[in-house]
């Protein structure tokens, strides 16, 4: 997220005071499966207008890591 926001900020000419991302997660058992919930806090500091803040926030929400984790994730293991 941070790298995505930094790239978008650079391309748009934004100069955020801060790009701080904190992620908390909770893993819990739901029946026979596990579920993980992520909570993210994004701190851009002061100095950006609402439009720039929204653009960077949406960039974080749509980063490649989110695309990988969104929806069902499956693992396949094999002994080699």
N, C-alpha and C. Protein backbone atom coordinates (compact mmCIF):
# COMPACT_ATOMS: atom_id res chain seq x y z
N UNK A 1 0.81 -1.19 0.00
CA UNK A 1 0.00 0.00 0.00
C UNK A 1 0.86 1.26 0.00
N UNK A 2 1.86 1.27 0.86
CA UNK A 2 2.69 2.47 0.96
C UNK A 2 3.40 2.76 -0.35
N UNK A 3 3.95 1.73 -0.98
CA UNK A 3 4.64 1.94 -2.25
C UNK A 3 3.68 2.38 -3.34
N UNK A 4 2.48 1.84 -3.35
CA UNK A 4 1.47 2.25 -4.33
C UNK A 4 1.10 3.71 -4.12
N UNK A 5 0.86 4.11 -2.88
CA UNK A 5 0.52 5.51 -2.60
C UNK A 5 1.68 6.43 -2.96
N UNK A 6 2.90 6.02 -2.68
CA UNK A 6 4.06 6.84 -3.02
C UNK A 6 4.18 7.03 -4.53
N UNK A 7 3.94 5.97 -5.28
CA UNK A 7 4.02 6.07 -6.75
C UNK A 7 2.93 6.98 -7.29
N UNK A 8 1.71 6.84 -6.77
CA UNK A 8 0.61 7.70 -7.22
C UNK A 8 0.89 9.15 -6.83
N UNK A 9 1.35 9.37 -5.62
CA UNK A 9 1.66 10.74 -5.17
C UNK A 9 2.71 11.38 -6.08
N UNK A 10 3.75 10.63 -6.42
CA UNK A 10 4.79 11.16 -7.30
C UNK A 10 4.24 11.48 -8.68
N UNK A 11 3.40 10.59 -9.21
CA UNK A 11 2.88 10.83 -10.56
C UNK A 11 1.90 12.00 -10.61
N UNK A 12 1.21 12.25 -9.50
CA UNK A 12 0.23 13.35 -9.45
C UNK A 12 0.84 14.65 -8.94
N UNK A 13 2.09 14.61 -8.47
CA UNK A 13 2.74 15.81 -7.95
C UNK A 13 2.31 16.16 -6.54
N UNK A 14 1.78 15.17 -5.80
CA UNK A 14 1.40 15.39 -4.40
C UNK A 14 2.64 15.26 -3.54
N UNK A 15 2.65 16.00 -2.44
CA UNK A 15 3.76 15.90 -1.48
C UNK A 15 3.20 15.62 -0.10
N UNK A 16 2.81 14.38 0.16
CA UNK A 16 2.26 14.08 1.48
C UNK A 16 3.31 14.24 2.56
N UNK A 17 2.87 14.75 3.69
CA UNK A 17 3.75 14.94 4.84
C UNK A 17 4.22 13.58 5.37
N UNK A 18 3.34 12.60 5.25
CA UNK A 18 3.62 11.29 5.82
C UNK A 18 2.88 10.24 5.00
N UNK A 19 3.47 9.06 4.90
CA UNK A 19 2.80 7.90 4.31
C UNK A 19 2.99 6.74 5.29
N UNK A 20 2.11 6.67 6.27
CA UNK A 20 2.22 5.66 7.32
C UNK A 20 1.02 4.73 7.24
N UNK A 21 1.29 3.44 7.12
CA UNK A 21 0.23 2.45 7.04
C UNK A 21 0.43 1.45 8.18
N UNK A 22 -0.61 1.22 8.92
CA UNK A 22 -0.59 0.24 10.01
C UNK A 22 -1.66 -0.81 9.72
N UNK A 23 -1.27 -2.07 9.78
CA UNK A 23 -2.22 -3.15 9.50
C UNK A 23 -2.33 -4.04 10.73
N UNK A 24 -3.55 -4.26 11.15
CA UNK A 24 -3.84 -5.21 12.21
C UNK A 24 -4.66 -6.34 11.60
N UNK A 25 -4.51 -7.54 12.12
CA UNK A 25 -5.29 -8.64 11.59
C UNK A 25 -5.74 -9.57 12.71
N UNK A 26 -6.78 -10.28 12.42
CA UNK A 26 -7.32 -11.26 13.35
C UNK A 26 -7.67 -12.51 12.55
N UNK A 27 -7.16 -13.63 13.01
CA UNK A 27 -7.48 -14.90 12.38
C UNK A 27 -8.37 -15.69 13.33
N UNK A 28 -9.43 -16.24 12.79
CA UNK A 28 -10.37 -16.98 13.62
C UNK A 28 -10.87 -18.22 12.87
N UNK A 29 -11.29 -19.19 13.62
CA UNK A 29 -11.83 -20.41 13.03
C UNK A 29 -13.33 -20.24 12.84
N UNK A 30 -13.78 -20.56 11.64
CA UNK A 30 -15.20 -20.51 11.30
C UNK A 30 -15.61 -21.89 10.82
N UNK A 31 -16.12 -22.67 11.75
CA UNK A 31 -16.46 -24.05 11.39
C UNK A 31 -15.21 -24.84 11.12
N UNK A 32 -15.09 -25.35 9.90
CA UNK A 32 -13.92 -26.15 9.53
C UNK A 32 -12.89 -25.34 8.77
N UNK A 33 -13.10 -24.03 8.63
CA UNK A 33 -12.18 -23.17 7.88
C UNK A 33 -11.68 -22.04 8.77
N UNK A 34 -10.65 -21.37 8.29
CA UNK A 34 -10.10 -20.21 8.97
C UNK A 34 -10.44 -18.97 8.18
N UNK A 35 -10.66 -17.87 8.88
CA UNK A 35 -10.93 -16.58 8.24
C UNK A 35 -9.99 -15.55 8.86
N UNK A 36 -9.52 -14.62 8.06
CA UNK A 36 -8.65 -13.56 8.54
C UNK A 36 -9.26 -12.22 8.16
N UNK A 37 -9.33 -11.32 9.13
CA UNK A 37 -9.85 -9.97 8.91
C UNK A 37 -8.69 -8.98 9.07
N UNK A 38 -8.55 -8.07 8.11
CA UNK A 38 -7.51 -7.05 8.16
C UNK A 38 -8.15 -5.69 8.42
N UNK A 39 -7.52 -4.91 9.30
CA UNK A 39 -7.93 -3.52 9.55
C UNK A 39 -6.71 -2.65 9.29
N UNK A 40 -6.90 -1.65 8.44
CA UNK A 40 -5.78 -0.81 8.04
C UNK A 40 -6.03 0.64 8.42
N UNK A 41 -5.01 1.28 8.99
CA UNK A 41 -5.05 2.71 9.30
C UNK A 41 -4.03 3.41 8.43
N UNK A 42 -4.45 4.45 7.73
CA UNK A 42 -3.57 5.17 6.82
C UNK A 42 -3.43 6.61 7.31
N UNK A 43 -2.20 7.04 7.54
CA UNK A 43 -1.92 8.40 8.00
C UNK A 43 -1.13 9.13 6.92
N UNK A 44 -1.74 10.15 6.34
CA UNK A 44 -1.08 10.94 5.29
C UNK A 44 -0.55 12.26 5.83
N UNK A 45 -0.70 12.50 7.12
CA UNK A 45 -0.26 13.76 7.70
C UNK A 45 -1.16 14.90 7.26
N UNK A 46 -0.66 16.10 7.41
CA UNK A 46 -1.41 17.30 7.03
C UNK A 46 -0.92 17.80 5.68
N UNK A 47 -1.60 18.78 5.13
CA UNK A 47 -1.11 19.46 3.95
C UNK A 47 -1.69 19.02 2.62
N UNK A 48 -2.51 17.98 2.61
CA UNK A 48 -3.14 17.55 1.37
C UNK A 48 -4.60 17.98 1.38
N UNK A 49 -5.12 18.35 0.22
CA UNK A 49 -6.55 18.67 0.16
C UNK A 49 -7.36 17.37 0.10
N UNK A 50 -8.68 17.51 0.22
CA UNK A 50 -9.55 16.32 0.25
C UNK A 50 -9.42 15.48 -1.00
N UNK A 51 -9.29 16.10 -2.15
CA UNK A 51 -9.17 15.36 -3.41
C UNK A 51 -7.92 14.49 -3.41
N UNK A 52 -6.78 15.06 -3.03
CA UNK A 52 -5.52 14.31 -3.00
C UNK A 52 -5.60 13.17 -1.99
N UNK A 53 -6.20 13.42 -0.82
CA UNK A 53 -6.35 12.38 0.20
C UNK A 53 -7.20 11.23 -0.32
N UNK A 54 -8.29 11.55 -1.02
CA UNK A 54 -9.17 10.51 -1.58
C UNK A 54 -8.45 9.70 -2.65
N UNK A 55 -7.68 10.37 -3.49
CA UNK A 55 -6.94 9.68 -4.55
C UNK A 55 -5.94 8.69 -3.93
N UNK A 56 -5.20 9.12 -2.92
CA UNK A 56 -4.21 8.25 -2.30
C UNK A 56 -4.88 7.13 -1.50
N UNK A 57 -6.00 7.44 -0.85
CA UNK A 57 -6.74 6.42 -0.11
C UNK A 57 -7.24 5.34 -1.07
N UNK A 58 -7.79 5.73 -2.19
CA UNK A 58 -8.28 4.76 -3.17
C UNK A 58 -7.13 3.97 -3.80
N UNK A 59 -5.98 4.60 -3.97
CA UNK A 59 -4.81 3.88 -4.48
C UNK A 59 -4.42 2.78 -3.50
N UNK A 60 -4.46 3.08 -2.22
CA UNK A 60 -4.13 2.08 -1.20
C UNK A 60 -5.15 0.94 -1.22
N UNK A 61 -6.42 1.27 -1.33
CA UNK A 61 -7.49 0.27 -1.33
C UNK A 61 -7.42 -0.64 -2.55
N UNK A 62 -6.83 -0.17 -3.64
CA UNK A 62 -6.79 -0.94 -4.89
C UNK A 62 -5.39 -1.43 -5.25
N UNK A 63 -4.49 -1.49 -4.26
CA UNK A 63 -3.13 -1.92 -4.55
C UNK A 63 -3.10 -3.41 -4.89
N UNK A 64 -1.99 -3.86 -5.41
CA UNK A 64 -1.85 -5.25 -5.85
C UNK A 64 -1.99 -6.24 -4.70
N UNK A 65 -1.55 -5.88 -3.51
CA UNK A 65 -1.67 -6.79 -2.36
C UNK A 65 -3.14 -7.03 -2.05
N UNK A 66 -3.94 -5.98 -2.11
CA UNK A 66 -5.38 -6.15 -1.89
C UNK A 66 -5.99 -7.07 -2.94
N UNK A 67 -5.55 -6.94 -4.16
CA UNK A 67 -6.08 -7.80 -5.22
C UNK A 67 -5.75 -9.26 -4.95
N UNK A 68 -4.55 -9.53 -4.41
CA UNK A 68 -4.16 -10.90 -4.11
C UNK A 68 -4.97 -11.49 -2.95
N UNK A 69 -5.27 -10.66 -1.97
CA UNK A 69 -5.94 -11.15 -0.76
C UNK A 69 -7.45 -11.09 -0.83
N UNK A 70 -7.99 -10.36 -1.76
CA UNK A 70 -9.44 -10.24 -1.87
C UNK A 70 -10.03 -11.55 -2.37
N UNK A 71 -11.13 -11.94 -1.80
CA UNK A 71 -11.78 -13.17 -2.24
C UNK A 71 -11.13 -14.41 -1.65
N UNK A 72 -11.40 -15.52 -2.25
CA UNK A 72 -10.93 -16.80 -1.74
C UNK A 72 -9.47 -17.02 -2.12
N UNK A 73 -8.68 -17.48 -1.16
CA UNK A 73 -7.28 -17.80 -1.38
C UNK A 73 -7.11 -19.29 -1.11
N UNK A 74 -6.45 -19.99 -2.01
CA UNK A 74 -6.23 -21.42 -1.83
C UNK A 74 -4.75 -21.73 -1.83
N UNK A 75 -4.38 -22.72 -1.05
CA UNK A 75 -3.01 -23.19 -0.99
C UNK A 75 -2.97 -24.65 -1.41
N UNK A 76 -1.97 -25.02 -2.19
CA UNK A 76 -1.77 -26.41 -2.56
C UNK A 76 -0.33 -26.75 -2.19
N UNK A 77 -0.18 -27.74 -1.35
CA UNK A 77 1.16 -28.16 -0.93
C UNK A 77 1.45 -29.52 -1.51
N UNK A 78 2.74 -29.77 -1.80
CA UNK A 78 3.15 -31.10 -2.23
C UNK A 78 4.58 -31.33 -1.77
N UNK A 79 4.86 -32.53 -1.47
CA UNK A 79 6.21 -32.92 -1.04
C UNK A 79 7.04 -33.14 -2.30
N UNK A 80 8.24 -32.59 -2.35
CA UNK A 80 9.11 -32.79 -3.51
C UNK A 80 10.39 -33.47 -3.09
